[in-house]
């Protein structure tokens, strides 16, 4: 259970400001504009490096009708937080989503992350509290490029060739094997 607090994080304060001041200079009211502004405010708070409290995503959902603007792609909040390494935003999202992070090769797993699993080039497509799904694209080739230290795979169609359900014990075993290999 999240404890209520009077302290508000900078990220929450930004979102509250957007909620309260949205459309001041425009005639009428448009929910679409407000929803887009709120989504953009959360992304801005993350990418600008603002501090989050663990209860922030729950508070954003409850206080600002997040069900209308989080969207079905709310995992993008987490992906952005991992990408810019804002641990407090990662932890706030994990608290809201009710899951612990999957740490693979020293990095948090997020939807869209590409990596090698069991000799296959895969992309994480979804995450649950107990496992995540990674798929190998059909038609993947040896062609790949490195962009910002992340391997991006090229020339494949959208139909997955293989689907992997990767559980916490599987990640733990891989991480311990990797650590043992580095020590020897």
Protein backbone atom coordinates (compact mmCIF):
# COMPACT_ATOMS: atom_id res chain seq x y z
CA UNK A 1 0.00 0.00 0.00
CA UNK A 2 1.32 3.43 -0.92
CA UNK A 3 1.58 5.86 1.97
CA UNK A 4 0.08 9.30 1.42
CA UNK A 5 2.51 12.18 1.73
CA UNK A 6 2.35 15.95 1.57
CA UNK A 7 5.61 16.14 -0.36
CA UNK A 8 5.20 16.27 -4.13
CA UNK A 9 7.96 15.31 -6.54
CA UNK A 10 9.09 17.72 -9.28
CA UNK A 11 7.57 15.38 -11.87
CA UNK A 12 4.18 15.43 -10.12
CA UNK A 13 4.32 19.23 -9.75
CA UNK A 14 4.97 19.63 -13.49
CA UNK A 15 2.02 17.39 -14.35
CA UNK A 16 -0.22 19.22 -11.87
CA UNK A 17 0.77 22.54 -13.45
CA UNK A 18 -0.09 21.22 -16.93
CA UNK A 19 -3.41 19.85 -15.64
CA UNK A 20 -4.35 23.13 -13.93
CA UNK A 21 -3.12 25.52 -16.63
CA UNK A 22 -3.89 23.58 -19.79
CA UNK A 23 -5.81 25.53 -22.41
CA UNK A 24 -5.77 28.84 -20.52
CA UNK A 25 -4.95 30.72 -23.70
CA UNK A 26 -7.26 28.81 -26.02
CA UNK A 27 -11.04 29.14 -26.29
CA UNK A 28 -13.14 26.20 -25.24
CA UNK A 29 -12.02 22.90 -23.83
CA UNK A 30 -10.72 19.88 -25.71
CA UNK A 31 -10.08 16.61 -23.89
CA UNK A 32 -7.85 15.44 -26.72
CA UNK A 33 -5.54 18.42 -26.24
CA UNK A 34 -5.48 17.91 -22.46
CA UNK A 35 -4.78 14.18 -22.77
CA UNK A 36 -1.95 14.75 -25.21
CA UNK A 37 -0.50 17.50 -22.99
CA UNK A 38 -0.55 15.28 -19.91
CA UNK A 39 1.13 12.39 -21.74
CA UNK A 40 3.77 14.79 -23.06
CA UNK A 41 4.29 16.24 -19.58
CA UNK A 42 5.14 12.81 -18.16
CA UNK A 43 7.55 12.13 -21.01
CA UNK A 44 9.11 15.58 -20.46
CA UNK A 45 9.48 14.92 -16.73
CA UNK A 46 11.25 11.65 -17.51
CA UNK A 47 13.50 12.80 -20.34
CA UNK A 48 14.50 16.00 -18.56
CA UNK A 49 15.68 14.01 -15.55
CA UNK A 50 13.13 15.08 -12.95
CA UNK A 51 12.92 13.10 -9.72
CA UNK A 52 9.90 10.85 -9.18
CA UNK A 53 8.50 9.40 -5.98
CA UNK A 54 7.49 5.74 -5.93
CA UNK A 55 3.81 6.67 -5.70
CA UNK A 56 3.86 9.13 -8.62
CA UNK A 57 2.41 6.96 -11.39
CA UNK A 58 -0.43 5.85 -9.11
CA UNK A 59 -1.06 9.47 -8.11
CA UNK A 60 -0.96 10.63 -11.73
CA UNK A 61 -3.48 7.94 -12.64
CA UNK A 62 -5.78 8.78 -9.72
CA UNK A 63 -5.47 12.58 -9.50
CA UNK A 64 -5.44 13.41 -13.21
CA UNK A 65 -7.68 10.76 -14.79
CA UNK A 66 -4.71 8.88 -16.20
CA UNK A 67 -6.93 6.17 -17.62
CA UNK A 68 -7.73 8.58 -20.44
CA UNK A 69 -4.19 9.63 -21.32
CA UNK A 70 -1.73 6.95 -20.15
CA UNK A 71 -2.86 5.04 -23.20
CA UNK A 72 -2.31 1.43 -24.13
CA UNK A 73 1.34 2.25 -24.80
CA UNK A 74 2.16 3.31 -21.24
CA UNK A 75 5.22 1.01 -21.39
CA UNK A 76 6.82 3.85 -23.35
CA UNK A 77 7.09 5.78 -20.07
CA UNK A 78 9.19 2.93 -18.70
CA UNK A 79 11.24 2.59 -21.88
CA UNK A 80 12.03 6.33 -21.77
CA UNK A 81 12.99 6.13 -18.08
CA UNK A 82 15.33 3.20 -18.72
CA UNK A 83 16.77 4.89 -21.81
CA UNK A 84 17.72 8.09 -19.93
CA UNK A 85 18.58 6.13 -16.76
CA UNK A 86 16.17 7.92 -14.40
CA UNK A 87 16.02 5.26 -11.70
CA UNK A 88 13.37 7.07 -9.66
CA UNK A 89 11.02 7.08 -12.69
CA UNK A 90 11.77 3.38 -13.29
CA UNK A 91 10.96 2.58 -9.67
CA UNK A 92 7.77 4.66 -9.74
CA UNK A 93 6.58 2.85 -12.86
CA UNK A 94 7.52 -0.56 -11.40
CA UNK A 95 5.57 0.27 -8.23
CA UNK A 96 2.51 1.27 -10.26
CA UNK A 97 2.77 -1.77 -12.58
CA UNK A 98 3.23 -4.10 -9.59
CA UNK A 99 6.43 -5.69 -10.81
CA UNK A 100 10.09 -5.90 -9.97
CA UNK A 101 12.59 -5.05 -12.69
CA UNK A 102 14.09 -7.73 -14.89
CA UNK A 103 17.83 -7.04 -14.95
CA UNK A 104 19.57 -8.68 -17.88
CA UNK A 105 23.28 -8.07 -18.44
CA UNK A 106 23.18 -5.23 -15.91
CA UNK A 107 20.34 -3.36 -17.67
CA UNK A 108 16.62 -3.16 -16.98
CA UNK A 109 14.45 -4.93 -19.52
CA UNK A 110 11.94 -2.73 -21.35
CA UNK A 111 9.57 -3.19 -24.28
CA UNK A 112 11.56 -2.61 -27.43
CA UNK A 113 14.94 -3.64 -26.04
CA UNK A 114 16.87 -5.83 -28.46
CA UNK A 115 19.34 -8.42 -27.26
CA UNK A 116 20.73 -11.90 -27.89
CA UNK A 117 18.87 -14.75 -26.16
CA UNK A 118 20.00 -18.35 -26.54
CA UNK A 119 21.88 -17.42 -29.71
CA UNK A 120 18.87 -15.66 -31.28
CA UNK A 121 18.46 -11.95 -31.95
CA UNK A 122 15.27 -10.97 -30.16
CA UNK A 123 13.18 -7.96 -29.17
CA UNK A 124 11.22 -7.67 -25.91
CA UNK A 125 7.54 -7.20 -26.81
CA UNK A 126 5.77 -7.37 -23.44
CA UNK A 127 6.46 -7.60 -19.72
CA UNK A 128 4.41 -9.10 -16.87
CA UNK A 129 5.35 -9.41 -13.19
CA UNK A 130 6.55 -13.02 -13.73
CA UNK A 131 8.03 -13.07 -17.22
CA UNK A 132 8.63 -11.14 -20.40
CA UNK A 133 8.13 -12.10 -24.02
CA UNK A 134 10.86 -11.74 -26.62
CA UNK A 135 10.50 -12.57 -30.28
CA UNK A 136 12.94 -13.31 -33.05
CA UNK A 137 11.79 -11.65 -36.24
CA UNK A 138 11.19 -13.84 -39.29
CA UNK A 139 13.72 -13.13 -41.99
CA UNK A 140 16.29 -11.61 -39.62
CA UNK A 141 19.66 -11.43 -41.29
CA UNK A 142 23.19 -11.03 -40.10
CA UNK A 143 22.90 -7.35 -41.01
CA UNK A 144 22.75 -5.20 -37.95
CA UNK A 145 24.03 -1.84 -36.84
CA UNK A 146 24.94 -0.36 -33.48
CA UNK A 147 23.07 2.80 -32.51
CA UNK A 148 23.80 4.34 -29.10
CA UNK A 149 25.34 1.05 -27.91
CA UNK A 150 22.15 -0.86 -28.81
CA UNK A 151 22.13 -3.39 -31.60
CA UNK A 152 19.39 -2.60 -34.12
CA UNK A 153 18.39 -5.36 -36.47
CA UNK A 154 17.53 -4.61 -40.05
CA UNK A 155 15.73 -6.23 -42.98
CA UNK A 156 13.04 -8.43 -41.49
CA UNK A 157 9.30 -8.73 -41.74
CA UNK A 158 6.85 -8.38 -38.84
CA UNK A 159 5.92 -12.04 -38.35
CA UNK A 160 7.96 -13.57 -35.50
CA UNK A 161 10.06 -16.62 -36.25
CA UNK A 162 10.41 -17.63 -32.59
CA UNK A 163 8.75 -16.52 -29.37
CA UNK A 164 10.47 -16.84 -26.00
CA UNK A 165 8.75 -16.65 -22.62
CA UNK A 166 11.62 -15.62 -20.35
CA UNK A 167 11.02 -16.06 -16.62
CA UNK A 168 12.85 -14.63 -13.61
CA UNK A 169 14.67 -17.91 -12.88
CA UNK A 170 15.90 -18.00 -16.49
CA UNK A 171 17.24 -14.43 -16.22
CA UNK A 172 18.83 -15.21 -12.86
CA UNK A 173 20.56 -18.29 -14.29
CA UNK A 174 21.88 -16.33 -17.27
CA UNK A 175 23.13 -13.49 -15.08
CA UNK A 176 24.91 -15.87 -12.70
CA UNK A 177 26.48 -17.73 -15.66
CA UNK A 178 27.65 -14.40 -17.10
CA UNK A 179 29.13 -13.35 -13.75
CA UNK A 180 30.93 -16.69 -13.37
CA UNK A 181 32.37 -16.36 -16.89
CA UNK A 182 33.65 -12.84 -16.13
CA UNK A 183 35.33 -14.01 -12.91
CA UNK A 184 37.24 -16.87 -14.55
